[in-house]
C-alpha atoms as a PDB file:
ATOM      1  CA  VAL A   1       0.000   0.000   0.000  1.00  0.00           C
ATOM      2  CA  PRO A   2       2.777   2.532   0.728  1.00  0.00           C
ATOM      3  CA  LEU A   3       4.360   1.709  -2.629  1.00  0.00           C
ATOM      4  CA  ILE A   4       1.047   2.401  -4.379  1.00  0.00           C
ATOM      5  CA  ALA A   5       0.729   5.720  -2.545  1.00  0.00           C
ATOM      6  CA  ILE A   6       4.239   6.992  -3.229  1.00  0.00           C
ATOM      7  CA  SER A   7       4.131   5.853  -6.857  1.00  0.00           C
ATOM      8  CA  ALA A   8       0.780   7.484  -7.553  1.00  0.00           C
ATOM      9  CA  GLY A   9       1.759  10.672  -5.733  1.00  0.00           C
ATOM     10  CA  THR A  10       4.980  10.948  -7.702  1.00  0.00           C
ATOM     11  CA  ILE A  11       3.228  10.298 -11.007  1.00  0.00           C
ATOM     12  CA  GLY A  12       0.549  12.857 -10.112  1.00  0.00           C
ATOM     13  CA  ALA A  13       3.089  15.514  -9.150  1.00  0.00           C
ATOM     14  CA  ILE A  14       5.126  14.923 -12.313  1.00  0.00           C
ATOM     15  CA  THR A  15       1.936  15.065 -14.377  1.00  0.00           C
ATOM     16  CA  GLY A  16       0.848  18.325 -12.736  1.00  0.00           C
ATOM     17  CA  TYR A  17       4.209  19.990 -13.190  1.00  0.00           C
ATOM     18  CA  GLY A  18       4.591  18.634 -16.726  1.00  0.00           C
ATOM     19  CA  MET A  19       1.180  19.877 -17.846  1.00  0.00           C
ATOM     20  CA  GLN A  20       1.883  23.367 -16.569  1.00  0.00           C
ATOM     21  CA  PHE A  21       5.382  23.418 -18.037  1.00  0.00           C
ATOM     22  CA  LEU A  22       4.107  22.329 -21.449  1.00  0.00           C
ATOM     23  CA  VAL A  23       1.375  24.971 -21.468  1.00  0.00           C
ATOM     24  CA  HIS A  24       3.365  27.914 -20.076  1.00  0.00           C
ATOM     25  CA  ALA A  25       6.862  27.281 -21.465  1.00  0.00           C
ATOM     26  CA  VAL A  26       6.348  25.286 -24.669  1.00  0.00           C
ATOM     27  CA  ALA A  27       2.874  25.665 -26.185  1.00  0.00           C
ATOM     28  CA  LEU A  28       1.995  29.254 -25.190  1.00  0.00           C
ATOM     29  CA  PRO A  29       5.166  31.054 -24.066  1.00  0.00           C
ATOM     30  CA  ILE A  30       3.930  34.485 -23.004  1.00  0.00           C
ATOM     31  CA  ASN A  31       6.466  36.706 -21.257  1.00  0.00           C
ATOM     32  CA  VAL A  32       4.611  38.617 -18.551  1.00  0.00           C
ATOM     33  CA  GLY A  33       6.637  41.244 -16.708  1.00  0.00           C
ATOM     34  CA  GLY A  34       9.984  39.678 -17.577  1.00  0.00           C
ATOM     35  CA  ARG A  35       9.333  36.629 -15.406  1.00  0.00           C
ATOM     36  CA  PRO A  36      10.733  33.250 -16.440  1.00  0.00           C
ATOM     37  CA  LEU A  37       8.419  30.980 -18.429  1.00  0.00           C
ATOM     38  CA  ASN A  38       9.167  28.050 -16.114  1.00  0.00           C
ATOM     39  CA  SER A  39       8.321  29.748 -12.818  1.00  0.00           C
ATOM     40  CA  TRP A  40       8.222  26.796 -10.444  1.00  0.00           C
ATOM     41  CA  PRO A  41       6.705  28.646  -7.423  1.00  0.00           C
ATOM     42  CA  ALA A  42       3.573  29.296  -9.470  1.00  0.00           C
ATOM     43  CA  PHE A  43       3.378  25.601 -10.380  1.00  0.00           C
ATOM     44  CA  VAL A  44       3.519  24.287  -6.786  1.00  0.00           C
ATOM     45  CA  PRO A  45      -0.226  24.376  -5.897  1.00  0.00           C
ATOM     46  CA  VAL A  46      -1.390  22.419  -8.946  1.00  0.00           C
ATOM     47  CA  THR A  47       1.562  20.025  -8.645  1.00  0.00           C
ATOM     48  CA  PHE A  48       0.683  19.322  -5.009  1.00  0.00           C
ATOM     49  CA  GLU A  49      -3.032  18.944  -5.674  1.00  0.00           C
ATOM     50  CA  LEU A  50      -2.553  16.510  -8.551  1.00  0.00           C
ATOM     51  CA  GLY A  51      -0.159  14.494  -6.393  1.00  0.00           C
ATOM     52  CA  VAL A  52      -2.806  14.253  -3.678  1.00  0.00           C
ATOM     53  CA  LEU A  53      -5.560  13.468  -6.202  1.00  0.00           C
ATOM     54  CA  PHE A  54      -3.593  10.671  -7.894  1.00  0.00           C
ATOM     55  CA  THR A  55      -2.645   9.223  -4.492  1.00  0.00           C
ATOM     56  CA  ALA A  56      -6.239   9.233  -3.243  1.00  0.00           C
ATOM     57  CA  LEU A  57      -7.628   7.656  -6.411  1.00  0.00           C
ATOM     58  CA  ALA A  58      -4.883   5.026  -6.593  1.00  0.00           C
ATOM     59  CA  LEU A  59      -5.356   4.055  -2.952  1.00  0.00           C
ATOM     60  CA  PHE A  60      -9.135   3.924  -3.275  1.00  0.00           C
ATOM     61  CA  PHE A  61      -9.128   1.679  -6.340  1.00  0.00           C
ATOM     62  CA  GLY A  62      -6.009  -0.214  -5.244  1.00  0.00           C
ATOM     63  CA  LEU A  63      -7.533  -1.164  -1.907  1.00  0.00           C
ATOM     64  CA  LEU A  64     -10.767  -2.204  -3.587  1.00  0.00           C
ATOM     65  CA  ILE A  65      -8.796  -4.532  -5.837  1.00  0.00           C
ATOM     66  CA  LEU A  66      -6.444  -5.808  -3.113  1.00  0.00           C
ATOM     67  CA  ASN A  67      -9.344  -6.551  -0.752  1.00  0.00           C
ATOM     68  CA  GLY A  68     -11.355  -8.306  -3.446  1.00  0.00           C
ATOM     69  CA  HIS A  69     -14.233  -5.840  -3.540  1.00  0.00           C
ATOM     70  CA  PRO A  70     -16.831  -5.428  -4.777  1.00  0.00           C
ATOM     71  CA  GLU A  71     -17.903  -9.014  -4.292  1.00  0.00           C
ATOM     72  CA  PRO A  72     -21.128  -9.327  -6.293  1.00  0.00           C
ATOM     73  CA  TYR A  73     -21.743 -12.901  -5.118  1.00  0.00           C
ATOM     74  CA  HIS A  74     -21.097 -14.795  -1.905  1.00  0.00           C
ATOM     75  CA  PRO A  75     -22.560 -18.171  -0.857  1.00  0.00           C
ATOM     76  CA  LEU A  76     -24.082 -16.502   2.232  1.00  0.00           C
ATOM     77  CA  PHE A  77     -26.517 -14.686  -0.049  1.00  0.00           C
ATOM     78  CA  ASN A  78     -28.301 -18.034  -0.598  1.00  0.00           C
ATOM     79  CA  VAL A  79     -29.380 -18.281   3.064  1.00  0.00           C
ATOM     80  CA  ALA A  80     -32.949 -17.006   3.425  1.00  0.00           C
ATOM     81  CA  GLU A  81     -32.297 -15.369   6.817  1.00  0.00           C
ATOM     82  CA  PHE A  82     -29.438 -13.294   5.411  1.00  0.00           C
ATOM     83  CA  ALA A  83     -31.921 -10.720   4.099  1.00  0.00           C
ATOM     84  CA  ARG A  84     -32.966  -9.907   7.678  1.00  0.00           C
ATOM     85  CA  ALA A  85     -29.388  -9.174   8.743  1.00  0.00           C
ATOM     86  CA  SER A  86     -29.722  -5.489   7.953  1.00  0.00           C
ATOM     87  CA  ARG A  87     -33.239  -5.052   9.370  1.00  0.00           C
ATOM     88  CA  ASP A  88     -33.802  -6.682  12.747  1.00  0.00           C
ATOM     89  CA  ARG A  89     -31.179  -9.392  13.216  1.00  0.00           C
ATOM     90  CA  PHE A  90     -27.467  -9.790  12.985  1.00  0.00           C
ATOM     91  CA  PHE A  91     -25.651 -12.472  11.071  1.00  0.00           C
ATOM     92  CA  LEU A  92     -22.567 -14.396  12.168  1.00  0.00           C
ATOM     93  CA  SER A  93     -20.493 -16.300   9.645  1.00  0.00           C
ATOM     94  CA  ILE A  94     -17.880 -18.844  10.726  1.00  0.00           C
ATOM     95  CA  GLU A  95     -15.670 -20.096   7.930  1.00  0.00           C
ATOM     96  CA  VAL A  96     -14.263 -23.605   8.096  1.00  0.00           C
ATOM     97  CA  ARG A  97     -10.532 -23.249   7.507  1.00  0.00           C
ATOM     98  CA  ASP A  98      -9.113 -24.439  10.806  1.00  0.00           C
ATOM     99  CA  SER A  99      -8.185 -28.110  11.143  1.00  0.00           C
ATOM    100  CA  ARG A 100      -9.498 -28.048  14.745  1.00  0.00           C
ATOM    101  CA  PHE A 101     -12.979 -26.927  13.651  1.00  0.00           C
ATOM    102  CA  HIS A 102     -15.804 -29.373  14.474  1.00  0.00           C
ATOM    103  CA  VAL A 103     -19.270 -28.765  13.077  1.00  0.00           C
ATOM    104  CA  ASP A 104     -21.212 -30.432  15.895  1.00  0.00           C
ATOM    105  CA  SER A 105     -19.384 -28.736  18.778  1.00  0.00           C
ATOM    106  CA  THR A 106     -19.621 -25.335  17.084  1.00  0.00           C
ATOM    107  CA  ARG A 107     -23.335 -25.823  16.393  1.00  0.00           C
ATOM    108  CA  SER A 108     -24.045 -26.815  20.026  1.00  0.00           C
ATOM    109  CA  PHE A 109     -21.949 -23.891  21.311  1.00  0.00           C
ATOM    110  CA  LEU A 110     -23.916 -21.423  19.200  1.00  0.00           C
ATOM    111  CA  HIS A 111     -27.228 -22.894  20.418  1.00  0.00           C
ATOM    112  CA  GLU A 112     -26.008 -22.577  24.032  1.00  0.00           C
ATOM    113  CA  LEU A 113     -25.364 -18.887  23.369  1.00  0.00           C
ATOM    114  CA  GLY A 114     -28.967 -18.454  22.238  1.00  0.00           C
ATOM    115  CA  ALA A 115     -28.741 -18.667  18.470  1.00  0.00           C
ATOM    116  CA  ARG A 116     -32.192 -18.800  16.888  1.00  0.00           C
ATOM    117  CA  GLU A 117     -30.989 -20.540  13.770  1.00  0.00           C
ATOM    118  CA  VAL A 118     -27.744 -22.179  12.620  1.00  0.00           C
ATOM    119  CA  ASN A 119     -27.321 -22.931   8.917  1.00  0.00           C
ATOM    120  CA  ASP A 120     -24.650 -24.733   6.963  1.00  0.00           C
ATOM    121  CA  VAL A 121     -23.597 -22.951   3.795  1.00  0.00           C
ATOM    122  CA  ARG A 122     -21.740 -24.808   1.086  1.00  0.00           C
ATOM    123  CA  ALA A 123     -19.516 -22.822  -1.233  1.00  0.00           C
END
């Protein structure tokens, strides 16, 4: 993530400075008051803002991709009670990846805690 941020910020800053340099020093060189065409202090605000913009966009889309979002389908969506999770219930999902996981003991533990319903979801 830091590599994405520094890369995007650098590319954004170079893009901002380059665009201004091309417009003011190459494409439309207008000498105003004897000032240099490549006046870097005047280019700082846009350079900074494009660096921040590129960093924010790259991190937003980069984190979406790295975290696997958006996920348009998940096997939990097939459980009928899942629709009530955002209205008047909450939904707990326990994924079976641990070798010490036992279905029966987990099911009985959840019922002891007061679970109204326990469903098995197959991927």
